[in-house]
Amino acid sequence: MAHDADFLIQFGKRIRSLRKRKSWSQEDLGLECDLDQTYISGIERGKRNVSLQNIRALAQALEVTLSELFDNLN
């Protein structure tokens, strides 16, 4: 579905924005939440449908609440 793909891309852009706000590389973020750098790259490019556990790990590593992680996503 095109709408689903758009959401994944928006989510990926949000992760990238929050990561860059911390001046972290994809590898840095991966190390903080125990995910591989290539997985982080896939998320940021909208190629990964992230599990709830990994969403929680990303939010914790990026020091945002789950609701903040999804701010302004449709």
N, C-alpha and C. Protein backbone atom coordinates (compact mmCIF):
# COMPACT_ATOMS: atom_id res chain seq x y z
N MET A 1 0.83 -1.20 0.00
CA MET A 1 0.00 0.00 0.00
C MET A 1 0.87 1.25 0.00
N ALA A 2 0.53 2.18 -0.82
CA ALA A 2 1.31 3.42 -0.93
C ALA A 2 1.28 4.20 0.38
N HIS A 3 0.12 4.23 1.03
CA HIS A 3 0.00 4.98 2.28
C HIS A 3 0.93 4.42 3.35
N ASP A 4 1.03 3.09 3.42
CA ASP A 4 1.93 2.47 4.39
C ASP A 4 3.38 2.84 4.10
N ALA A 5 3.75 2.83 2.83
CA ALA A 5 5.12 3.19 2.44
C ALA A 5 5.41 4.63 2.82
N ASP A 6 4.45 5.52 2.62
CA ASP A 6 4.63 6.93 2.99
C ASP A 6 4.86 7.07 4.49
N PHE A 7 4.11 6.30 5.28
CA PHE A 7 4.26 6.38 6.73
C PHE A 7 5.65 5.91 7.15
N LEU A 8 6.13 4.83 6.55
CA LEU A 8 7.47 4.33 6.88
C LEU A 8 8.54 5.36 6.53
N ILE A 9 8.36 6.04 5.42
CA ILE A 9 9.32 7.08 5.01
C ILE A 9 9.27 8.25 5.99
N GLN A 10 8.07 8.67 6.40
CA GLN A 10 7.94 9.76 7.37
C GLN A 10 8.57 9.37 8.71
N PHE A 11 8.33 8.14 9.14
CA PHE A 11 8.92 7.67 10.39
C PHE A 11 10.44 7.66 10.29
N GLY A 12 10.96 7.20 9.18
CA GLY A 12 12.41 7.19 8.97
C GLY A 12 13.01 8.58 9.01
N LYS A 13 12.32 9.54 8.41
CA LYS A 13 12.80 10.93 8.45
C LYS A 13 12.79 11.46 9.88
N ARG A 14 11.80 11.06 10.66
CA ARG A 14 11.72 11.49 12.05
C ARG A 14 12.89 10.93 12.85
N ILE A 15 13.19 9.64 12.64
CA ILE A 15 14.33 9.02 13.33
C ILE A 15 15.62 9.73 12.94
N ARG A 16 15.80 9.98 11.66
CA ARG A 16 17.02 10.66 11.18
C ARG A 16 17.14 12.05 11.82
N SER A 17 16.05 12.78 11.87
CA SER A 17 16.06 14.12 12.46
C SER A 17 16.46 14.08 13.93
N LEU A 18 15.87 13.16 14.68
CA LEU A 18 16.19 13.04 16.10
C LEU A 18 17.63 12.58 16.31
N ARG A 19 18.09 11.69 15.45
CA ARG A 19 19.48 11.22 15.54
C ARG A 19 20.45 12.36 15.27
N LYS A 20 20.18 13.13 14.24
CA LYS A 20 21.07 14.24 13.89
C LYS A 20 21.06 15.32 14.97
N ARG A 21 19.92 15.48 15.63
CA ARG A 21 19.83 16.45 16.72
C ARG A 21 20.82 16.12 17.82
N LYS A 22 21.13 14.82 17.98
CA LYS A 22 22.11 14.39 18.97
C LYS A 22 23.52 14.32 18.39
N SER A 23 23.66 14.68 17.12
CA SER A 23 24.95 14.61 16.40
C SER A 23 25.52 13.20 16.40
N TRP A 24 24.65 12.21 16.24
CA TRP A 24 25.05 10.81 16.22
C TRP A 24 25.08 10.30 14.79
N SER A 25 25.97 9.36 14.53
CA SER A 25 25.95 8.61 13.29
C SER A 25 24.90 7.50 13.43
N GLN A 26 24.61 6.84 12.33
CA GLN A 26 23.72 5.68 12.41
C GLN A 26 24.33 4.61 13.30
N GLU A 27 25.63 4.47 13.22
CA GLU A 27 26.31 3.48 14.05
C GLU A 27 26.16 3.83 15.53
N ASP A 28 26.31 5.11 15.87
CA ASP A 28 26.13 5.55 17.26
C ASP A 28 24.75 5.18 17.77
N LEU A 29 23.73 5.48 16.98
CA LEU A 29 22.36 5.16 17.39
C LEU A 29 22.19 3.66 17.54
N GLY A 30 22.72 2.91 16.59
CA GLY A 30 22.63 1.46 16.67
C GLY A 30 23.26 0.91 17.93
N LEU A 31 24.40 1.44 18.29
CA LEU A 31 25.07 1.00 19.52
C LEU A 31 24.24 1.33 20.75
N GLU A 32 23.60 2.49 20.75
CA GLU A 32 22.79 2.91 21.90
C GLU A 32 21.55 2.05 22.10
N CYS A 33 21.00 1.52 21.01
CA CYS A 33 19.76 0.74 21.15
C CYS A 33 19.94 -0.71 20.71
N ASP A 34 21.20 -1.14 20.57
CA ASP A 34 21.52 -2.53 20.26
C ASP A 34 20.90 -2.99 18.94
N LEU A 35 20.99 -2.14 17.93
CA LEU A 35 20.54 -2.46 16.58
C LEU A 35 21.69 -2.23 15.61
N ASP A 36 21.74 -3.01 14.56
CA ASP A 36 22.81 -2.88 13.58
C ASP A 36 22.66 -1.58 12.78
N GLN A 37 23.78 -1.01 12.38
CA GLN A 37 23.78 0.23 11.60
C GLN A 37 22.99 0.07 10.30
N THR A 38 23.07 -1.10 9.68
CA THR A 38 22.33 -1.30 8.43
C THR A 38 20.82 -1.34 8.68
N TYR A 39 20.42 -1.80 9.86
CA TYR A 39 19.00 -1.78 10.23
C TYR A 39 18.54 -0.33 10.42
N ILE A 40 19.35 0.47 11.11
CA ILE A 40 19.04 1.90 11.29
C ILE A 40 18.91 2.57 9.93
N SER A 41 19.83 2.27 9.02
CA SER A 41 19.77 2.83 7.67
C SER A 41 18.47 2.46 6.98
N GLY A 42 18.07 1.20 7.10
CA GLY A 42 16.82 0.75 6.50
C GLY A 42 15.61 1.47 7.08
N ILE A 43 15.63 1.72 8.38
CA ILE A 43 14.54 2.47 9.02
C ILE A 43 14.48 3.87 8.44
N GLU A 44 15.62 4.53 8.40
CA GLU A 44 15.67 5.93 7.94
C GLU A 44 15.29 6.07 6.47
N ARG A 45 15.48 5.03 5.69
CA ARG A 45 15.10 5.08 4.28
C ARG A 45 13.68 4.59 4.05
N GLY A 46 12.97 4.22 5.12
CA GLY A 46 11.59 3.76 5.00
C GLY A 46 11.48 2.35 4.46
N LYS A 47 12.52 1.56 4.60
CA LYS A 47 12.54 0.19 4.09
C LYS A 47 12.23 -0.85 5.16
N ARG A 48 12.14 -0.44 6.41
CA ARG A 48 11.91 -1.38 7.52
C ARG A 48 10.61 -1.04 8.23
N ASN A 49 9.83 -2.07 8.51
CA ASN A 49 8.64 -1.93 9.34
C ASN A 49 9.06 -2.34 10.75
N VAL A 50 9.29 -1.38 11.59
CA VAL A 50 9.96 -1.57 12.87
C VAL A 50 9.01 -2.18 13.91
N SER A 51 9.53 -3.13 14.68
CA SER A 51 8.72 -3.77 15.73
C SER A 51 8.52 -2.80 16.90
N LEU A 52 7.53 -3.10 17.71
CA LEU A 52 7.25 -2.26 18.89
C LEU A 52 8.44 -2.23 19.84
N GLN A 53 9.11 -3.35 20.02
CA GLN A 53 10.26 -3.39 20.93
C GLN A 53 11.38 -2.48 20.41
N ASN A 54 11.61 -2.50 19.12
CA ASN A 54 12.65 -1.65 18.55
C ASN A 54 12.25 -0.18 18.56
N ILE A 55 10.97 0.10 18.41
CA ILE A 55 10.49 1.49 18.51
C ILE A 55 10.75 2.01 19.91
N ARG A 56 10.46 1.19 20.91
CA ARG A 56 10.72 1.60 22.29
C ARG A 56 12.21 1.81 22.52
N ALA A 57 13.05 0.93 22.00
CA ALA A 57 14.51 1.07 22.15
C ALA A 57 15.00 2.35 21.47
N LEU A 58 14.47 2.66 20.30
CA LEU A 58 14.86 3.89 19.59
C LEU A 58 14.47 5.12 20.40
N ALA A 59 13.24 5.13 20.93
CA ALA A 59 12.78 6.27 21.72
C ALA A 59 13.65 6.47 22.95
N GLN A 60 13.98 5.39 23.63
CA GLN A 60 14.82 5.49 24.82
C GLN A 60 16.21 6.01 24.46
N ALA A 61 16.79 5.48 23.40
CA ALA A 61 18.12 5.92 22.99
C ALA A 61 18.12 7.39 22.58
N LEU A 62 17.06 7.82 21.91
CA LEU A 62 16.96 9.20 21.44
C LEU A 62 16.44 10.15 22.52
N GLU A 63 16.12 9.58 23.68
CA GLU A 63 15.63 10.34 24.84
C GLU A 63 14.38 11.16 24.53
N VAL A 64 13.41 10.47 23.91
CA VAL A 64 12.09 11.05 23.66
C VAL A 64 11.04 10.05 24.11
N THR A 65 9.85 10.54 24.39
CA THR A 65 8.75 9.64 24.71
C THR A 65 8.25 9.00 23.42
N LEU A 66 7.48 7.94 23.58
CA LEU A 66 6.91 7.31 22.39
C LEU A 66 6.01 8.29 21.63
N SER A 67 5.23 9.07 22.36
CA SER A 67 4.37 10.03 21.67
C SER A 67 5.18 11.09 20.94
N GLU A 68 6.29 11.54 21.52
CA GLU A 68 7.16 12.50 20.84
C GLU A 68 7.78 11.89 19.58
N LEU A 69 8.07 10.61 19.63
CA LEU A 69 8.64 9.93 18.48
C LEU A 69 7.70 9.99 17.28
N PHE A 70 6.40 9.95 17.56
CA PHE A 70 5.40 9.95 16.49
C PHE A 70 4.78 11.32 16.22
N ASP A 71 5.29 12.36 16.86
CA ASP A 71 4.76 13.71 16.62
C ASP A 71 4.76 14.05 15.14
N ASN A 72 3.66 14.58 14.69
CA ASN A 72 3.49 15.08 13.32
C ASN A 72 3.55 14.01 12.24
N LEU A 73 3.37 12.74 12.60
CA LEU A 73 3.28 11.67 11.61
C LEU A 73 1.81 11.37 11.38
N ASN A 74 1.46 11.12 10.13
CA ASN A 74 0.06 10.82 9.80
C ASN A 74 -0.13 9.34 9.61
